[in-house]
Amino acid sequence: MEKMIGKETVKNMEYLVKLLHKEWERSGRTKAEVSIDITDKKEVGAKLTAEIQERQKQLEVMEMPFKECMERSRENFVLLRLARKIKKAADRSERRENAVSFTVEMDKEEYKLFSTLIKVQEE
């Protein structure tokens, strides 16, 4: 009986985490617009990629409390979402002639993480 309850609990937790992942993939309401020079595109992409990989490595290697693990996982999803937005905006700008920069709309979470990783010049 206890094994059945344990298996059911594990299935329920897996389901909840799956739902959280879906929710984390959604962007919130736009709170900031950041302009990125085309010349900085690779540097920004490399920095985001390195940060995502480092955080993922910490999740896999370190023994941490469940709450902290979920918080790091959420931040990784936000960074992945942001990386997709930046790539999409950069690809769009490359199709335009004479484009020197592109703009990325970010929600509060995306902007917070982006500004901690990359120096943002406030206008």
N, C-alpha and C. Protein backbone atom coordinates (compact mmCIF):
# COMPACT_ATOMS: atom_id res chain seq x y z
N MET A 1 0.82 -1.19 0.00
CA MET A 1 0.00 0.00 0.00
C MET A 1 0.86 1.27 0.00
N GLU A 2 1.93 1.28 0.84
CA GLU A 2 2.80 2.45 0.91
C GLU A 2 3.52 2.68 -0.41
N LYS A 3 3.92 1.59 -1.08
CA LYS A 3 4.60 1.73 -2.37
C LYS A 3 3.66 2.36 -3.40
N MET A 4 2.38 1.98 -3.36
CA MET A 4 1.41 2.55 -4.29
C MET A 4 1.23 4.04 -4.05
N ILE A 5 1.17 4.43 -2.79
CA ILE A 5 1.04 5.85 -2.44
C ILE A 5 2.29 6.60 -2.88
N GLY A 6 3.45 6.02 -2.67
CA GLY A 6 4.72 6.64 -3.08
C GLY A 6 4.78 6.82 -4.59
N LYS A 7 4.38 5.80 -5.35
CA LYS A 7 4.38 5.90 -6.81
C LYS A 7 3.40 6.97 -7.28
N GLU A 8 2.24 7.01 -6.65
CA GLU A 8 1.23 8.01 -7.01
C GLU A 8 1.74 9.42 -6.72
N THR A 9 2.43 9.59 -5.61
CA THR A 9 3.00 10.89 -5.25
C THR A 9 4.05 11.31 -6.28
N VAL A 10 4.89 10.39 -6.67
CA VAL A 10 5.92 10.68 -7.68
C VAL A 10 5.27 11.08 -9.00
N LYS A 11 4.24 10.33 -9.41
CA LYS A 11 3.52 10.67 -10.65
C LYS A 11 2.90 12.06 -10.56
N ASN A 12 2.31 12.37 -9.42
CA ASN A 12 1.70 13.68 -9.23
C ASN A 12 2.74 14.80 -9.27
N MET A 13 3.89 14.58 -8.64
CA MET A 13 4.97 15.59 -8.66
C MET A 13 5.49 15.78 -10.08
N GLU A 14 5.68 14.70 -10.82
CA GLU A 14 6.13 14.81 -12.21
C GLU A 14 5.14 15.61 -13.04
N TYR A 15 3.87 15.37 -12.83
CA TYR A 15 2.82 16.09 -13.55
C TYR A 15 2.85 17.58 -13.20
N LEU A 16 3.00 17.89 -11.92
CA LEU A 16 3.07 19.29 -11.49
C LEU A 16 4.28 20.01 -12.09
N VAL A 17 5.41 19.35 -12.10
CA VAL A 17 6.62 19.95 -12.68
C VAL A 17 6.43 20.17 -14.18
N LYS A 18 5.78 19.24 -14.84
CA LYS A 18 5.50 19.39 -16.27
C LYS A 18 4.61 20.61 -16.51
N LEU A 19 3.59 20.79 -15.69
CA LEU A 19 2.73 21.97 -15.79
C LEU A 19 3.50 23.26 -15.54
N LEU A 20 4.39 23.23 -14.54
CA LEU A 20 5.21 24.41 -14.27
C LEU A 20 6.09 24.76 -15.46
N HIS A 21 6.69 23.76 -16.09
CA HIS A 21 7.53 24.01 -17.26
C HIS A 21 6.74 24.68 -18.37
N LYS A 22 5.52 24.24 -18.59
CA LYS A 22 4.67 24.88 -19.60
C LYS A 22 4.41 26.33 -19.26
N GLU A 23 4.10 26.58 -18.00
CA GLU A 23 3.82 27.95 -17.55
C GLU A 23 5.06 28.83 -17.66
N TRP A 24 6.21 28.30 -17.32
CA TRP A 24 7.44 29.08 -17.37
C TRP A 24 7.85 29.43 -18.80
N GLU A 25 7.39 28.67 -19.76
CA GLU A 25 7.72 28.95 -21.16
C GLU A 25 6.95 30.16 -21.69
N ARG A 26 5.90 30.56 -20.99
CA ARG A 26 5.09 31.70 -21.43
C ARG A 26 5.68 32.99 -20.89
N SER A 27 5.75 33.97 -21.77
CA SER A 27 6.23 35.28 -21.37
C SER A 27 5.08 36.07 -20.76
N GLY A 28 5.43 36.93 -19.82
CA GLY A 28 4.42 37.78 -19.20
C GLY A 28 4.24 39.07 -20.00
N ARG A 29 3.57 40.01 -19.40
CA ARG A 29 3.31 41.31 -20.02
C ARG A 29 4.63 42.06 -20.20
N THR A 30 4.80 42.72 -21.34
CA THR A 30 6.02 43.45 -21.64
C THR A 30 6.21 44.59 -20.64
N LYS A 31 7.38 44.61 -20.02
CA LYS A 31 7.72 45.65 -19.05
C LYS A 31 8.89 46.51 -19.54
N ALA A 32 9.68 45.99 -20.49
CA ALA A 32 10.84 46.74 -20.97
C ALA A 32 11.14 46.34 -22.41
N GLU A 33 11.74 47.27 -23.12
CA GLU A 33 12.24 47.00 -24.46
C GLU A 33 13.73 47.30 -24.44
N VAL A 34 14.50 46.33 -24.89
CA VAL A 34 15.95 46.49 -24.89
C VAL A 34 16.43 46.47 -26.33
N SER A 35 17.27 47.44 -26.66
CA SER A 35 17.85 47.52 -27.98
C SER A 35 19.26 46.91 -27.93
N ILE A 36 19.53 46.00 -28.86
CA ILE A 36 20.82 45.32 -28.91
C ILE A 36 21.44 45.58 -30.27
N ASP A 37 22.70 46.01 -30.27
CA ASP A 37 23.41 46.21 -31.53
C ASP A 37 23.64 44.87 -32.20
N ILE A 38 23.55 44.87 -33.51
CA ILE A 38 23.78 43.64 -34.27
C ILE A 38 25.19 43.11 -33.99
N THR A 39 26.14 44.01 -33.80
CA THR A 39 27.52 43.58 -33.54
C THR A 39 27.66 42.86 -32.20
N ASP A 40 26.73 43.10 -31.27
CA ASP A 40 26.77 42.47 -29.95
C ASP A 40 25.96 41.18 -29.88
N LYS A 41 25.29 40.83 -30.97
CA LYS A 41 24.39 39.67 -30.98
C LYS A 41 25.11 38.38 -30.54
N LYS A 42 26.26 38.11 -31.11
CA LYS A 42 26.97 36.87 -30.76
C LYS A 42 27.43 36.87 -29.31
N GLU A 43 27.91 38.01 -28.84
CA GLU A 43 28.37 38.10 -27.46
C GLU A 43 27.22 37.88 -26.48
N VAL A 44 26.09 38.50 -26.75
CA VAL A 44 24.91 38.33 -25.89
C VAL A 44 24.45 36.88 -25.91
N GLY A 45 24.39 36.29 -27.09
CA GLY A 45 23.98 34.88 -27.22
C GLY A 45 24.93 33.95 -26.48
N ALA A 46 26.23 34.21 -26.60
CA ALA A 46 27.23 33.37 -25.93
C ALA A 46 27.12 33.48 -24.42
N LYS A 47 26.87 34.69 -23.93
CA LYS A 47 26.74 34.90 -22.49
C LYS A 47 25.51 34.18 -21.94
N LEU A 48 24.40 34.29 -22.66
CA LEU A 48 23.17 33.60 -22.24
C LEU A 48 23.38 32.08 -22.25
N THR A 49 23.98 31.59 -23.31
CA THR A 49 24.22 30.15 -23.43
C THR A 49 25.10 29.64 -22.29
N ALA A 50 26.18 30.37 -22.01
CA ALA A 50 27.09 29.96 -20.93
C ALA A 50 26.37 29.95 -19.58
N GLU A 51 25.55 30.95 -19.34
CA GLU A 51 24.82 31.03 -18.07
C GLU A 51 23.82 29.88 -17.93
N ILE A 52 23.11 29.59 -19.00
CA ILE A 52 22.13 28.49 -18.97
C ILE A 52 22.86 27.18 -18.70
N GLN A 53 23.97 26.95 -19.39
CA GLN A 53 24.73 25.71 -19.20
C GLN A 53 25.27 25.59 -17.79
N GLU A 54 25.77 26.69 -17.24
CA GLU A 54 26.31 26.69 -15.88
C GLU A 54 25.21 26.38 -14.86
N ARG A 55 24.07 27.01 -15.02
CA ARG A 55 22.96 26.77 -14.10
C ARG A 55 22.47 25.32 -14.20
N GLN A 56 22.42 24.80 -15.41
CA GLN A 56 21.98 23.42 -15.61
C GLN A 56 22.96 22.45 -14.96
N LYS A 57 24.25 22.74 -15.10
CA LYS A 57 25.28 21.90 -14.49
C LYS A 57 25.12 21.90 -12.97
N GLN A 58 24.84 23.06 -12.39
CA GLN A 58 24.64 23.15 -10.94
C GLN A 58 23.44 22.33 -10.51
N LEU A 59 22.38 22.35 -11.32
CA LEU A 59 21.19 21.56 -10.99
C LEU A 59 21.50 20.07 -10.98
N GLU A 60 22.33 19.63 -11.91
CA GLU A 60 22.63 18.21 -12.03
C GLU A 60 23.65 17.73 -11.01
N VAL A 61 24.59 18.58 -10.62
CA VAL A 61 25.70 18.17 -9.77
C VAL A 61 25.44 18.41 -8.29
N MET A 62 24.92 19.58 -7.98
CA MET A 62 24.78 19.98 -6.57
C MET A 62 23.56 19.34 -5.91
N GLU A 63 23.75 19.00 -4.67
CA GLU A 63 22.63 18.58 -3.83
C GLU A 63 22.04 19.85 -3.23
N MET A 64 20.83 20.17 -3.61
CA MET A 64 20.21 21.38 -3.07
C MET A 64 18.77 21.08 -2.69
N PRO A 65 18.23 21.91 -1.80
CA PRO A 65 16.84 21.72 -1.40
C PRO A 65 15.89 21.83 -2.60
N PHE A 66 14.76 21.17 -2.50
CA PHE A 66 13.79 21.14 -3.59
C PHE A 66 13.38 22.55 -4.00
N LYS A 67 13.13 23.42 -3.03
CA LYS A 67 12.69 24.78 -3.31
C LYS A 67 13.73 25.54 -4.14
N GLU A 68 14.99 25.44 -3.76
CA GLU A 68 16.07 26.10 -4.50
C GLU A 68 16.23 25.50 -5.90
N CYS A 69 16.08 24.20 -5.99
CA CYS A 69 16.16 23.51 -7.28
C CYS A 69 15.08 24.01 -8.23
N MET A 70 13.88 24.16 -7.73
CA MET A 70 12.77 24.63 -8.56
C MET A 70 12.99 26.09 -8.98
N GLU A 71 13.54 26.91 -8.09
CA GLU A 71 13.81 28.31 -8.42
C GLU A 71 14.86 28.41 -9.53
N ARG A 72 15.91 27.62 -9.43
CA ARG A 72 16.95 27.61 -10.48
C ARG A 72 16.39 27.11 -11.80
N SER A 73 15.55 26.10 -11.72
CA SER A 73 14.93 25.56 -12.92
C SER A 73 14.06 26.62 -13.59
N ARG A 74 13.30 27.36 -12.80
CA ARG A 74 12.46 28.43 -13.34
C ARG A 74 13.31 29.50 -14.02
N GLU A 75 14.39 29.89 -13.37
CA GLU A 75 15.28 30.89 -13.97
C GLU A 75 15.86 30.39 -15.29
N ASN A 76 16.18 29.11 -15.36
CA ASN A 76 16.68 28.55 -16.61
C ASN A 76 15.63 28.65 -17.71
N PHE A 77 14.39 28.37 -17.37
CA PHE A 77 13.32 28.47 -18.37
C PHE A 77 13.16 29.91 -18.84
N VAL A 78 13.28 30.87 -17.93
CA VAL A 78 13.19 32.28 -18.29
C VAL A 78 14.34 32.64 -19.23
N LEU A 79 15.55 32.18 -18.91
CA LEU A 79 16.70 32.46 -19.78
C LEU A 79 16.55 31.82 -21.15
N LEU A 80 16.03 30.61 -21.20
CA LEU A 80 15.79 29.95 -22.49
C LEU A 80 14.75 30.71 -23.31
N ARG A 81 13.70 31.16 -22.64
CA ARG A 81 12.66 31.94 -23.30
C ARG A 81 13.25 33.24 -23.85
N LEU A 82 14.09 33.88 -23.08
CA LEU A 82 14.74 35.11 -23.49
C LEU A 82 15.69 34.87 -24.67
N ALA A 83 16.43 33.79 -24.62
CA ALA A 83 17.35 33.46 -25.73
C ALA A 83 16.57 33.27 -27.03
N ARG A 84 15.42 32.62 -26.96
CA ARG A 84 14.59 32.44 -28.15
C ARG A 84 14.11 33.79 -28.69
N LYS A 85 13.69 34.68 -27.79
CA LYS A 85 13.22 36.00 -28.21
C LYS A 85 14.33 36.79 -28.89
N ILE A 86 15.52 36.74 -28.31
CA ILE A 86 16.65 37.49 -28.87
C ILE A 86 17.02 36.93 -30.24
N LYS A 87 17.06 35.61 -30.37
CA LYS A 87 17.40 35.01 -31.66
C LYS A 87 16.37 35.38 -32.72
N LYS A 88 15.10 35.31 -32.37
CA LYS A 88 14.04 35.64 -33.32
C LYS A 88 14.13 37.10 -33.76
N ALA A 89 14.35 38.01 -32.82
CA ALA A 89 14.46 39.43 -33.15
C ALA A 89 15.71 39.69 -34.00
N ALA A 90 16.81 39.03 -33.69
CA ALA A 90 18.05 39.20 -34.45
C ALA A 90 17.88 38.68 -35.87
N ASP A 91 17.25 37.53 -36.01
CA ASP A 91 17.01 36.97 -37.35
C ASP A 91 16.14 37.91 -38.18
N ARG A 92 15.11 38.48 -37.55
CA ARG A 92 14.25 39.43 -38.25
C ARG A 92 15.04 40.66 -38.71
N SER A 93 15.91 41.16 -37.86
CA SER A 93 16.66 42.36 -38.19
C SER A 93 17.69 42.10 -39.30
N GLU A 94 18.20 40.87 -39.36
CA GLU A 94 19.18 40.55 -40.41
C GLU A 94 18.55 40.54 -41.79
N ARG A 95 17.25 40.34 -41.85
CA ARG A 95 16.55 40.37 -43.14
C ARG A 95 16.37 41.79 -43.67
N ARG A 96 16.45 42.76 -42.76
CA ARG A 96 16.33 44.16 -43.18
C ARG A 96 17.69 44.71 -43.58
N GLU A 97 17.69 45.53 -44.58
CA GLU A 97 18.94 46.18 -44.99
C GLU A 97 19.24 47.32 -44.02
N ASN A 98 20.51 47.59 -43.84
CA ASN A 98 20.99 48.71 -43.03
C ASN A 98 20.59 48.63 -41.55
N ALA A 99 20.20 47.48 -41.07
CA ALA A 99 19.82 47.35 -39.66
C ALA A 99 21.10 47.35 -38.81
N VAL A 100 21.13 48.21 -37.81
CA VAL A 100 22.30 48.28 -36.93
C VAL A 100 21.97 47.73 -35.53
N SER A 101 20.68 47.63 -35.23
CA SER A 101 20.27 47.09 -33.94
C SER A 101 18.89 46.45 -34.07
N PHE A 102 18.50 45.77 -33.02
CA PHE A 102 17.16 45.19 -32.96
C PHE A 102 16.63 45.34 -31.55
N THR A 103 15.33 45.32 -31.42
CA THR A 103 14.67 45.52 -30.12
C THR A 103 14.02 44.23 -29.66
N VAL A 104 14.17 43.95 -28.38
CA VAL A 104 13.57 42.76 -27.78
C VAL A 104 12.66 43.20 -26.65
N GLU A 105 11.40 42.78 -26.71
CA GLU A 105 10.46 43.07 -25.62
C GLU A 105 10.65 42.01 -24.54
N MET A 106 10.72 42.48 -23.29
CA MET A 106 10.95 41.57 -22.17
C MET A 106 9.94 41.80 -21.06
N ASP A 107 9.57 40.70 -20.42
CA ASP A 107 8.74 40.83 -19.23
C ASP A 107 9.65 41.12 -18.04
N LYS A 108 9.06 41.27 -16.86
CA LYS A 108 9.82 41.64 -15.68
C LYS A 108 10.92 40.63 -15.34
N GLU A 109 10.60 39.34 -15.37
CA GLU A 109 11.57 38.30 -15.05
C GLU A 109 12.72 38.28 -16.05
N GLU A 110 12.38 38.36 -17.34
CA GLU A 110 13.39 38.33 -18.39
C GLU A 110 14.35 39.51 -18.25
N TYR A 111 13.77 40.70 -18.04
CA TYR A 111 14.59 41.90 -17.93
C TYR A 111 15.51 41.83 -16.71
N LYS A 112 14.98 41.34 -15.60
CA LYS A 112 15.79 41.23 -14.38
C LYS A 112 17.00 40.34 -14.60
N LEU A 113 16.79 39.17 -15.17
CA LEU A 113 17.91 38.25 -15.42
C LEU A 113 18.85 38.80 -16.49
N PHE A 114 18.29 39.39 -17.53
CA PHE A 114 19.11 39.95 -18.61
C PHE A 114 20.01 41.06 -18.08
N SER A 115 19.45 41.94 -17.26
CA SER A 115 20.23 43.07 -16.77
C SER A 115 21.29 42.65 -15.75
N THR A 116 21.11 41.50 -15.10
CA THR A 116 22.17 41.02 -14.20
C THR A 116 23.31 40.39 -14.98
N LEU A 117 23.01 39.84 -16.16
CA LEU A 117 24.04 39.20 -16.97
C LEU A 117 24.76 40.17 -17.91
N ILE A 118 24.01 41.11 -18.45
CA ILE A 118 24.54 42.01 -19.46
C ILE A 118 24.29 43.44 -19.01
N LYS A 119 25.33 44.25 -19.08
CA LYS A 119 25.21 45.65 -18.66
C LYS A 119 24.21 46.36 -19.57
N VAL A 120 23.16 46.86 -18.97
CA VAL A 120 22.11 47.57 -19.71
C VAL A 120 22.28 49.06 -19.49
N GLN A 121 22.32 49.80 -20.59
CA GLN A 121 22.41 51.25 -20.49
C GLN A 121 20.99 51.81 -20.49
N GLU A 122 20.65 52.45 -19.40
CA GLU A 122 19.32 53.06 -19.29
C GLU A 122 19.30 54.36 -20.07
N GLU A 123 18.22 54.57 -20.83
CA GLU A 123 18.11 55.80 -21.62
C GLU A 123 17.32 56.84 -20.89
